[in-house]
């Protein structure tokens, strides 16, 4: 191994066939190279990274490292990897969906200050704290952070550990525009100042930072040859204007409607002077908002401005919703209505849901859980229900995943499954919180097509959150911008 080679894999084949790529891995990463590992959802990007960091032992040989570090030779000290799921926070078996909004269940959870490591370089620490607004988060319980704030926390925590090689899985998703620009600049500065080498795992290949020097394409569970960024960009074609076929578009538009006139009302959502306060922190203040039948809303705002909290009120996932003046489908919250009856008419996906969904069930069972509004499946679907699930998986082009276990899917494939779960009821109200997180270019365009087609059906109402304007479907009619309370 040459001194300038920091990571070398020669004919690498993992011992466990489950985690094996189709072809042996041959890879050399040199000092000073900054890599983007790119590929479609399910192509094998995460398997490659797990092999690079030594998570899966190899047959016959091993991964060779030469970090030239005076502090430590341990791989765990020199390489830090922030995965897609890590970026949603410290999700484990103690975390459950809705925990973020249940204040009585957070007292035993850690606060941000206690989870951040010490840092000898005060300048680096202060720069990170300023960039990500960490000072305002230090005394907050980790479960109260928004998905964007969680990503900022994880990035700060990792960078404070002073790694030699930093591997980030889709680092820019979930961050507002200002923070994305600042993070790009910070990584560039750290590369120049402290010899940090960066490896980005990207599904969104149309935003490869210009500090990247080389690209490793991964396709069909095969690690491609490392090429220069310029060569990779020169090879890229344009994404078609539409991915959803005309046949599937017609199938979706011709889908029979449910006969449920009670939920065909003028006002789908109505909030009057709604305020949400946790301790001394004001999340929402005197918010008035009405969503009428057939409207398509874009809900935007910086990280921590209250977007997900607002959606949790609508979906009755937040206990404070019963103390607020909220009406849904013309029924005032807390007047004896069945929230489960109302939920039947809402399709919902969010970062919190993805974070909490640790159920290792077949993908089709994850989809079927959307019919019953449960995290996990506790009721055996009928043949008719299973047929409905298969039809929606066909529309999204993921019918081949139906028998695969959810936790063995890539993060992008998991997101596609959770999206199908949101649509499976053919809901009157569709609530999509950052729905395109982790999706490759092809699937982002496909899902956008499906959203647009779905919204052309009669009496369909949409609320969508995204930090990327280009992700908003063409059907958007209105917008609500939330600002952080000071």
Protein backbone atom coordinates (compact mmCIF):
# COMPACT_ATOMS: atom_id res chain seq x y z
CA UNK A 1 0.00 0.00 0.00
CA UNK A 2 1.49 3.32 -1.08
CA UNK A 3 1.80 6.09 1.49
CA UNK A 4 -0.58 8.35 -0.41
CA UNK A 5 -3.32 5.71 -0.52
CA UNK A 6 -5.53 6.02 2.57
CA UNK A 7 -8.12 3.31 1.78
CA UNK A 8 -7.55 0.30 -0.48
CA UNK A 9 -9.85 -2.64 -1.23
CA UNK A 10 -8.58 -5.36 -3.60
CA UNK A 11 -11.05 -7.97 -4.85
CA UNK A 12 -13.17 -7.34 -1.78
CA UNK A 13 -15.96 -9.85 -1.19
CA UNK A 14 -17.90 -9.82 2.09
CA UNK A 15 -18.12 -13.10 3.98
CA UNK A 16 -21.87 -12.81 4.45
CA UNK A 17 -23.64 -13.16 1.07
CA UNK A 18 -26.51 -10.92 2.28
CA UNK A 19 -24.17 -7.91 2.28
CA UNK A 20 -22.24 -8.85 -0.84
CA UNK A 21 -22.11 -6.83 -4.04
CA UNK A 22 -22.43 -8.70 -7.33
CA UNK A 23 -18.80 -8.12 -8.27
CA UNK A 24 -15.66 -7.95 -6.09
CA UNK A 25 -14.84 -4.42 -4.94
CA UNK A 26 -11.64 -2.84 -6.25
CA UNK A 27 -11.15 0.62 -4.89
CA UNK A 28 -8.30 3.01 -4.08
CA UNK A 29 -8.90 6.35 -2.39
CA UNK A 30 -5.88 8.65 -2.36
CA UNK A 31 -4.96 11.38 0.05
CA UNK A 32 -6.59 14.64 -1.00
CA UNK A 33 -9.39 13.02 -2.97
CA UNK A 34 -12.98 13.95 -2.10
CA UNK A 35 -15.46 11.37 -3.29
CA UNK A 36 -19.14 11.27 -4.24
CA UNK A 37 -20.62 7.77 -4.20
CA UNK A 38 -23.66 7.98 -6.46
CA UNK A 39 -26.33 5.63 -7.71
CA UNK A 40 -30.04 4.89 -7.84
CA UNK A 41 -32.07 3.84 -4.81
CA UNK A 42 -31.19 0.24 -3.95
CA UNK A 43 -28.06 0.24 -6.14
CA UNK A 44 -25.78 -0.76 -3.26
CA UNK A 45 -24.26 2.56 -2.14
CA UNK A 46 -24.71 1.88 1.58
CA UNK A 47 -23.33 -1.67 1.21
CA UNK A 48 -20.21 -0.20 -0.39
CA UNK A 49 -19.75 2.32 2.41
CA UNK A 50 -20.30 -0.34 5.08
CA UNK A 51 -17.54 -2.35 3.41
CA UNK A 52 -15.23 0.68 3.26
CA UNK A 53 -15.57 1.30 7.01
CA UNK A 54 -14.97 -2.37 7.82
CA UNK A 55 -18.46 -3.17 9.08
CA UNK A 56 -18.58 -6.40 7.09
CA UNK A 57 -15.50 -8.69 7.20
CA UNK A 58 -14.10 -9.76 3.84
CA UNK A 59 -13.16 -13.19 2.51
CA UNK A 60 -9.46 -13.89 2.04
CA UNK A 61 -8.27 -10.31 2.59
CA UNK A 62 -9.19 -7.11 4.42
CA UNK A 63 -9.56 -3.38 3.83
CA UNK A 64 -6.21 -1.56 4.11
CA UNK A 65 -6.00 1.85 5.76
CA UNK A 66 -3.18 4.38 6.04
CA UNK A 67 -4.46 7.50 7.79
CA UNK A 68 -1.03 8.91 8.76
CA UNK A 69 -2.64 10.04 12.00
CA UNK A 70 -0.40 10.89 14.97
CA UNK A 71 -3.35 10.44 17.35
CA UNK A 72 -4.89 7.04 16.55
CA UNK A 73 -4.73 4.22 14.03
CA UNK A 74 -8.23 2.96 14.83
CA UNK A 75 -10.65 3.05 11.91
CA UNK A 76 -13.44 4.15 14.28
CA UNK A 77 -11.41 7.23 15.29
CA UNK A 78 -10.36 8.22 11.78
CA UNK A 79 -13.57 7.52 9.81
CA UNK A 80 -16.91 8.94 10.92
CA UNK A 81 -20.06 8.00 9.05
CA UNK A 82 -23.40 9.78 9.39
CA UNK A 83 -26.04 7.52 7.86
CA UNK A 84 -29.43 8.55 6.49
CA UNK A 85 -31.23 7.19 9.56
CA UNK A 86 -28.64 8.74 11.93
CA UNK A 87 -29.54 12.08 10.41
CA UNK A 88 -33.03 11.72 11.83
CA UNK A 89 -31.59 11.45 15.32
CA UNK A 90 -30.69 8.79 17.85
CA UNK A 91 -33.52 6.44 16.82
CA UNK A 92 -33.53 3.23 18.78
CA UNK A 93 -36.04 0.90 20.36
CA UNK A 94 -36.86 3.47 23.04
CA UNK A 95 -38.00 6.05 20.49
CA UNK A 96 -41.57 5.88 19.29
CA UNK A 97 -43.65 7.80 16.80
CA UNK A 98 -45.33 10.85 18.41
CA UNK A 99 -42.75 10.93 21.26
CA UNK A 100 -41.56 14.33 20.09
CA UNK A 101 -44.95 15.85 20.94
CA UNK A 102 -45.57 14.02 24.22
CA UNK A 103 -43.91 16.34 26.72
CA UNK A 104 -44.47 14.01 29.68
CA UNK A 105 -42.32 11.34 28.01
CA UNK A 106 -39.22 13.45 27.37
CA UNK A 107 -37.90 14.03 30.90
CA UNK A 108 -35.69 10.94 30.76
CA UNK A 109 -34.33 11.69 27.31
CA UNK A 110 -30.94 13.43 26.90
CA UNK A 111 -30.45 17.07 26.05
CA UNK A 112 -28.28 18.27 23.19
CA UNK A 113 -25.52 19.66 25.43
CA UNK A 114 -24.87 16.25 27.01
CA UNK A 115 -24.53 14.48 23.66
CA UNK A 116 -21.94 16.79 22.10
CA UNK A 117 -18.26 15.79 22.54
CA UNK A 118 -15.63 18.22 23.78
CA UNK A 119 -13.43 19.88 21.18
CA UNK A 120 -9.88 21.15 21.68
CA UNK A 121 -10.15 23.54 18.74
CA UNK A 122 -12.37 26.34 20.08
CA UNK A 123 -12.41 28.06 16.67
CA UNK A 124 -13.84 24.97 14.96
CA UNK A 125 -16.41 24.49 17.75
CA UNK A 126 -17.53 28.11 17.64
CA UNK A 127 -17.80 28.00 13.83
CA UNK A 128 -19.98 24.87 14.00
CA UNK A 129 -22.16 26.29 16.76
CA UNK A 130 -22.70 29.49 14.81
CA UNK A 131 -23.36 27.74 11.50
CA UNK A 132 -25.98 25.34 12.86
CA UNK A 133 -27.46 27.54 15.59
CA UNK A 134 -26.42 25.00 18.22
CA UNK A 135 -26.43 27.58 21.02
CA UNK A 136 -30.22 27.76 20.83
CA UNK A 137 -30.49 23.96 21.01
CA UNK A 138 -28.06 23.13 23.84
CA UNK A 139 -30.68 22.77 26.55
CA UNK A 140 -33.36 21.17 24.37
CA UNK A 141 -34.24 17.49 24.71
CA UNK A 142 -33.06 15.63 21.64
CA UNK A 143 -36.53 14.28 20.83
CA UNK A 144 -37.91 17.83 20.58
CA UNK A 145 -35.66 18.77 17.68
CA UNK A 146 -37.17 19.09 14.24
CA UNK A 147 -35.84 16.78 11.53
CA UNK A 148 -33.72 19.63 10.15
CA UNK A 149 -32.38 20.47 13.62
CA UNK A 150 -31.52 16.79 14.15
CA UNK A 151 -29.43 16.82 10.99
CA UNK A 152 -27.61 19.94 12.19
CA UNK A 153 -26.96 18.30 15.57
CA UNK A 154 -25.63 15.09 14.02
CA UNK A 155 -23.32 16.98 11.67
CA UNK A 156 -21.97 19.10 14.55
CA UNK A 157 -21.50 16.07 16.79
CA UNK A 158 -19.56 14.25 14.07
CA UNK A 159 -17.37 17.18 13.03
CA UNK A 160 -16.44 17.93 16.66
CA UNK A 161 -14.83 14.47 16.85
CA UNK A 162 -12.18 15.66 14.35
CA UNK A 163 -12.29 12.74 11.88
CA UNK A 164 -9.67 12.14 9.20
CA UNK A 165 -12.35 10.94 6.77
CA UNK A 166 -15.96 12.12 6.99
CA UNK A 167 -18.65 10.08 5.23
CA UNK A 168 -22.04 11.77 4.95
CA UNK A 169 -25.19 10.14 3.56
CA UNK A 170 -27.22 12.78 1.69
CA UNK A 171 -26.08 15.61 4.01
CA UNK A 172 -28.03 18.42 2.38
CA UNK A 173 -31.56 16.99 2.45
CA UNK A 174 -33.81 18.30 5.20
CA UNK A 175 -31.80 21.51 5.53
CA UNK A 176 -33.22 24.88 4.58
CA UNK A 177 -31.63 26.81 1.71
CA UNK A 178 -29.49 29.04 3.92
CA UNK A 179 -28.06 26.14 5.91
CA UNK A 180 -27.31 24.12 2.76
CA UNK A 181 -25.22 26.97 1.40
CA UNK A 182 -23.44 27.44 4.74
CA UNK A 183 -22.72 23.70 5.11
CA UNK A 184 -21.25 23.61 1.62
CA UNK A 185 -18.93 26.50 2.56
CA UNK A 186 -18.01 24.94 5.90
CA UNK A 187 -17.01 21.61 4.36
CA UNK A 188 -14.92 23.48 1.80
CA UNK A 189 -13.20 25.40 4.62
CA UNK A 190 -12.54 22.28 6.71
CA UNK A 191 -11.07 20.52 3.68
CA UNK A 192 -8.63 23.38 3.22
CA UNK A 193 -7.76 23.96 6.88
CA UNK A 194 -7.57 20.57 8.65
CA UNK A 195 -6.87 18.02 5.88
CA UNK A 196 -10.36 16.55 6.20
CA UNK A 197 -11.30 14.14 3.42
CA UNK A 198 -14.97 13.97 2.52
CA UNK A 199 -16.99 11.12 1.05
CA UNK A 200 -20.59 11.99 0.21
CA UNK A 201 -23.22 9.33 -0.52
CA UNK A 202 -25.69 11.02 -2.84
CA UNK A 203 -29.03 10.05 -4.31
CA UNK A 204 -29.66 13.63 -5.46
CA UNK A 205 -26.89 13.69 -8.03
CA UNK A 206 -27.81 17.11 -9.40
CA UNK A 207 -26.24 18.83 -6.37
CA UNK A 208 -22.72 17.41 -6.21
CA UNK A 209 -20.58 20.10 -4.52
CA UNK A 210 -17.71 21.52 -6.55
CA UNK A 211 -15.13 20.48 -3.91
CA UNK A 212 -15.73 16.84 -4.92
CA UNK A 213 -12.82 15.61 -7.04
CA UNK A 214 -13.95 12.10 -7.97
CA UNK A 215 -17.12 10.06 -8.35
CA UNK A 216 -17.67 6.35 -7.70
CA UNK A 217 -20.83 5.23 -9.52
CA UNK A 218 -22.69 2.25 -8.04
CA UNK A 219 -25.20 0.43 -10.20
CA UNK A 220 -27.08 -2.83 -9.78
CA UNK A 221 -25.04 -3.71 -6.67
CA UNK A 222 -21.76 -3.23 -8.52
CA UNK A 223 -19.03 -0.73 -7.60
CA UNK A 224 -17.95 1.15 -10.71
CA UNK A 225 -14.56 2.61 -11.57
CA UNK A 226 -13.60 5.86 -9.84
CA UNK A 227 -13.68 8.75 -12.32
CA UNK A 228 -13.16 12.49 -12.12
CA UNK A 229 -16.11 14.73 -11.32
CA UNK A 230 -15.76 16.41 -14.71
CA UNK A 231 -15.88 13.07 -16.52
CA UNK A 232 -18.95 11.99 -14.54
CA UNK A 233 -20.83 15.23 -15.22
CA UNK A 234 -20.03 14.99 -18.92
CA UNK A 235 -21.68 11.55 -19.02
CA UNK A 236 -24.98 12.64 -17.45
CA UNK A 237 -28.07 12.86 -19.59
CA UNK A 238 -31.21 14.86 -18.92
CA UNK A 239 -34.05 13.55 -16.81
CA UNK A 240 -37.24 13.04 -18.84
CA UNK A 241 -39.98 15.61 -18.30
CA UNK A 242 -42.21 12.82 -17.00
CA UNK A 243 -41.54 9.29 -15.74
CA UNK A 244 -45.04 8.01 -14.95
CA UNK A 245 -46.33 6.16 -18.00
CA UNK A 246 -49.54 7.23 -19.72
CA UNK A 247 -51.04 3.83 -18.87
CA UNK A 248 -50.39 4.25 -15.15
CA UNK A 249 -51.56 7.84 -15.27
CA UNK A 250 -54.87 6.66 -16.75
CA UNK A 251 -55.14 3.86 -14.15
CA UNK A 252 -54.72 6.43 -11.38
CA UNK A 253 -57.19 8.91 -12.83
CA UNK A 254 -59.75 6.14 -13.41
CA UNK A 255 -59.51 4.76 -9.88
CA UNK A 256 -63.07 4.47 -8.49
CA UNK A 257 -64.03 6.91 -5.74
CA UNK A 258 -65.31 5.94 -2.33
CA UNK A 259 -68.88 6.96 -1.62
CA UNK A 260 -68.41 8.99 1.57
CA UNK A 261 -70.21 12.31 1.18
CA UNK A 262 -69.70 13.18 4.88
CA UNK A 263 -66.07 14.03 4.13
CA UNK A 264 -66.73 16.11 1.00
CA UNK A 265 -66.99 19.43 2.86
CA UNK A 266 -65.86 22.93 1.96
CA UNK A 267 -63.30 23.36 4.76
CA UNK A 268 -60.92 20.43 5.18
CA UNK A 269 -58.69 22.05 7.83
CA UNK A 270 -59.42 25.05 10.03
CA UNK A 271 -57.10 26.36 12.76
CA UNK A 272 -58.10 29.42 14.80
CA UNK A 273 -55.59 31.28 17.00
CA UNK A 274 -53.54 28.13 17.56
CA UNK A 275 -50.47 28.42 19.82
CA UNK A 276 -48.06 25.66 20.81
CA UNK A 277 -45.56 26.25 23.61
CA UNK A 278 -43.00 23.87 25.14
CA UNK A 279 -41.60 25.38 28.33
CA UNK A 280 -40.39 28.83 27.34
CA UNK A 281 -40.16 27.98 23.65
CA UNK A 282 -42.96 29.21 21.40
CA UNK A 283 -43.36 26.96 18.37
CA UNK A 284 -46.60 28.40 16.92
CA UNK A 285 -48.25 31.65 17.96
CA UNK A 286 -51.84 32.67 17.19
CA UNK A 287 -51.89 30.79 13.90
CA UNK A 288 -55.01 31.06 11.75
CA UNK A 289 -55.15 28.81 8.70
CA UNK A 290 -57.92 27.39 6.55
CA UNK A 291 -57.44 24.72 3.89
CA UNK A 292 -60.41 24.31 1.57
CA UNK A 293 -61.40 21.24 -0.39
CA UNK A 294 -59.33 20.86 -3.54
CA UNK A 295 -56.60 23.31 -2.52
CA UNK A 296 -52.95 22.32 -2.83
CA UNK A 297 -50.70 24.01 -0.26
CA UNK A 298 -46.94 24.37 -0.04
CA UNK A 299 -45.90 24.66 3.61
CA UNK A 300 -42.43 26.19 3.92
CA UNK A 301 -40.12 27.77 6.50
CA UNK A 302 -36.67 27.43 8.01
CA UNK A 303 -35.66 24.44 10.13
CA UNK A 304 -37.38 24.64 13.51
CA UNK A 305 -40.12 27.02 12.37
CA UNK A 306 -42.91 24.60 13.38
CA UNK A 307 -43.91 22.93 10.10
CA UNK A 308 -43.92 19.36 11.41
CA UNK A 309 -45.55 20.46 14.66
CA UNK A 310 -48.36 22.05 12.65
CA UNK A 311 -48.88 18.84 10.70
CA UNK A 312 -48.87 16.80 13.92
CA UNK A 313 -51.80 18.91 15.13
CA UNK A 314 -53.79 18.18 12.01
CA UNK A 315 -53.12 14.44 12.24
CA UNK A 316 -53.89 14.37 16.00
CA UNK A 317 -50.42 13.01 16.77
CA UNK A 318 -49.85 15.96 19.11
CA UNK A 319 -51.73 15.84 22.45
CA UNK A 320 -52.00 19.64 22.45
CA UNK A 321 -54.27 19.42 19.41
CA UNK A 322 -57.21 18.72 21.75
CA UNK A 323 -56.61 22.01 23.60
CA UNK A 324 -56.62 24.00 20.35
CA UNK A 325 -59.45 25.31 18.20
CA UNK A 326 -59.05 22.92 15.28
CA UNK A 327 -61.65 21.55 12.88
CA UNK A 328 -61.03 18.78 10.39
CA UNK A 329 -63.49 17.84 7.66
CA UNK A 330 -65.97 20.20 9.34
CA UNK A 331 -65.71 18.46 12.72
CA UNK A 332 -64.28 20.38 15.66
CA UNK A 333 -61.52 18.52 17.48
CA UNK A 334 -62.59 17.30 20.91
CA UNK A 335 -66.35 17.26 20.30
CA UNK A 336 -66.69 13.49 20.28
CA UNK A 337 -65.45 12.76 16.78
CA UNK A 338 -63.49 9.55 16.23
CA UNK A 339 -59.94 10.45 15.30
CA UNK A 340 -59.53 7.00 13.76
CA UNK A 341 -62.49 7.63 11.48
CA UNK A 342 -60.92 10.94 10.45
CA UNK A 343 -57.48 9.39 9.93
CA UNK A 344 -59.03 7.03 7.36
CA UNK A 345 -59.26 10.04 5.08
CA UNK A 346 -55.69 11.30 5.58
CA UNK A 347 -52.54 9.97 3.91
CA UNK A 348 -49.36 11.04 5.70
CA UNK A 349 -45.60 10.56 5.46
CA UNK A 350 -42.91 12.43 7.40
CA UNK A 351 -39.30 12.23 8.63
CA UNK A 352 -40.64 11.36 12.11
CA UNK A 353 -42.53 8.41 10.66
CA UNK A 354 -39.46 7.17 8.79
CA UNK A 355 -37.36 7.53 11.94
CA UNK A 356 -39.83 5.55 14.06
CA UNK A 357 -40.58 2.82 11.53
CA UNK A 358 -38.20 0.13 12.82
CA UNK A 359 -40.54 -2.73 11.94
CA UNK A 360 -38.82 -5.49 9.98
CA UNK A 361 -41.94 -6.60 8.14
CA UNK A 362 -42.33 -7.39 4.43
CA UNK A 363 -42.73 -4.18 2.45
CA UNK A 364 -46.30 -5.04 1.48
CA UNK A 365 -47.23 -5.26 5.18
CA UNK A 366 -45.74 -1.81 5.75
CA UNK A 367 -47.97 -0.53 2.95
CA UNK A 368 -50.98 -2.36 4.41
CA UNK A 369 -50.42 -0.69 7.80
CA UNK A 370 -51.50 2.54 6.12
CA UNK A 371 -54.98 1.08 5.73
CA UNK A 372 -55.23 0.82 9.52
CA UNK A 373 -53.12 3.89 10.52
CA UNK A 374 -50.71 1.85 12.62
CA UNK A 375 -46.92 1.77 12.92
CA UNK A 376 -46.53 -1.93 12.22
CA UNK A 377 -49.25 -4.36 11.17
CA UNK A 378 -51.47 -5.87 13.86
CA UNK A 379 -54.33 -7.07 11.68
CA UNK A 380 -54.13 -9.57 8.86
CA UNK A 381 -55.08 -7.84 5.59
CA UNK A 382 -57.91 -9.30 3.58
CA UNK A 383 -57.24 -10.51 0.06
CA UNK A 384 -58.96 -7.37 -1.20
CA UNK A 385 -56.73 -5.13 0.93
CA UNK A 386 -53.62 -6.97 -0.20
CA UNK A 387 -54.71 -6.51 -3.82
CA UNK A 388 -55.10 -2.76 -3.21
CA UNK A 389 -51.58 -2.62 -1.73
CA UNK A 390 -50.13 -4.49 -4.70
CA UNK A 391 -51.88 -2.11 -7.11
CA UNK A 392 -50.37 0.98 -5.45
CA UNK A 393 -46.92 -0.63 -5.34
CA UNK A 394 -47.35 -1.25 -9.07
CA UNK A 395 -48.15 2.45 -9.63
CA UNK A 396 -44.94 3.42 -7.78
CA UNK A 397 -42.94 0.76 -9.64
CA UNK A 398 -41.84 -1.11 -6.51
CA UNK A 399 -43.93 -4.29 -6.77
CA UNK A 400 -40.69 -6.30 -6.78
CA UNK A 401 -40.02 -5.12 -3.20
CA UNK A 402 -43.27 -6.47 -1.72
CA UNK A 403 -41.74 -9.59 -0.16
CA UNK A 404 -38.51 -7.98 1.06
CA UNK A 405 -38.16 -6.99 4.70
CA UNK A 406 -38.36 -3.24 5.33
CA UNK A 407 -35.14 -2.87 7.34
CA UNK A 408 -33.14 -4.67 4.64
CA UNK A 409 -34.18 -2.09 2.04
CA UNK A 410 -32.09 0.97 1.23
CA UNK A 411 -33.24 4.25 2.77
CA UNK A 412 -34.57 5.38 -0.61
CA UNK A 413 -36.51 2.15 -1.08
CA UNK A 414 -37.91 2.54 2.45
CA UNK A 415 -39.09 6.05 1.59
CA UNK A 416 -40.85 4.74 -1.52
CA UNK A 417 -42.63 2.09 0.58
CA UNK A 418 -43.74 4.72 3.12
CA UNK A 419 -45.00 6.92 0.29
CA UNK A 420 -47.14 4.06 -1.03
CA UNK A 421 -48.41 3.63 2.55
CA UNK A 422 -49.59 7.28 2.45
CA UNK A 423 -51.49 6.80 -0.83
CA UNK A 424 -52.94 3.36 -0.24
CA UNK A 425 -56.24 4.67 1.20
CA UNK A 426 -56.80 7.02 -1.77
CA UNK A 427 -57.10 9.76 0.88
CA UNK A 428 -59.10 12.97 0.60
CA UNK A 429 -56.29 14.86 2.38
CA UNK A 430 -52.69 14.06 1.47
CA UNK A 431 -50.02 15.41 3.86
CA UNK A 432 -46.45 14.99 2.60
CA UNK A 433 -43.65 16.20 4.88
CA UNK A 434 -40.38 16.17 2.90
CA UNK A 435 -41.65 13.25 0.78
CA UNK A 436 -38.71 13.11 -1.63
CA UNK A 437 -35.98 12.71 1.03
CA UNK A 438 -33.32 10.27 -0.14
CA UNK A 439 -34.87 9.56 -3.54
CA UNK A 440 -32.73 9.41 -6.66
CA UNK A 441 -33.35 11.69 -9.63
CA UNK A 442 -35.56 9.14 -11.39
CA UNK A 443 -37.75 8.39 -8.37
CA UNK A 444 -38.09 12.07 -7.45
CA UNK A 445 -39.53 12.79 -10.89
CA UNK A 446 -41.75 9.67 -10.73
CA UNK A 447 -43.19 10.54 -7.31
CA UNK A 448 -43.73 14.13 -8.40
CA UNK A 449 -45.69 12.80 -11.41
CA UNK A 450 -47.80 10.59 -9.13
CA UNK A 451 -48.56 13.49 -6.78
CA UNK A 452 -49.58 15.71 -9.68
CA UNK A 453 -51.76 13.02 -11.24
CA UNK A 454 -53.37 12.13 -7.91
CA UNK A 455 -54.20 15.79 -7.28
CA UNK A 456 -56.08 16.00 -10.58
CA UNK A 457 -58.64 13.62 -9.10
CA UNK A 458 -61.85 15.16 -7.78
CA UNK A 459 -61.87 16.71 -4.27
CA UNK A 460 -58.25 15.88 -3.44
CA UNK A 461 -56.48 18.26 -1.05
CA UNK A 462 -52.70 18.46 -0.58
CA UNK A 463 -50.33 19.93 2.01
CA UNK A 464 -46.66 19.45 1.16
CA UNK A 465 -43.47 20.46 2.95
CA UNK A 466 -40.14 20.75 1.16
CA UNK A 467 -37.01 22.90 1.28
CA UNK A 468 -36.51 22.53 -2.49
CA UNK A 469 -38.76 24.68 -4.67
CA UNK A 470 -38.18 22.43 -7.67
CA UNK A 471 -39.73 19.50 -5.77
CA UNK A 472 -43.12 21.19 -5.51
CA UNK A 473 -45.66 19.74 -7.94
CA UNK A 474 -47.16 21.96 -10.62
CA UNK A 475 -50.60 21.71 -8.99
CA UNK A 476 -49.72 23.94 -5.99
CA UNK A 477 -52.36 26.67 -5.53
CA UNK A 478 -51.44 28.29 -2.19
CA UNK A 479 -48.52 28.65 0.21
CA UNK A 480 -48.00 29.18 3.93
CA UNK A 481 -44.59 30.34 5.17
CA UNK A 482 -43.80 29.79 8.85
CA UNK A 483 -41.16 31.83 10.64
CA UNK A 484 -39.34 30.85 13.80
CA UNK A 485 -40.63 32.51 16.95
CA UNK A 486 -37.98 34.45 18.85
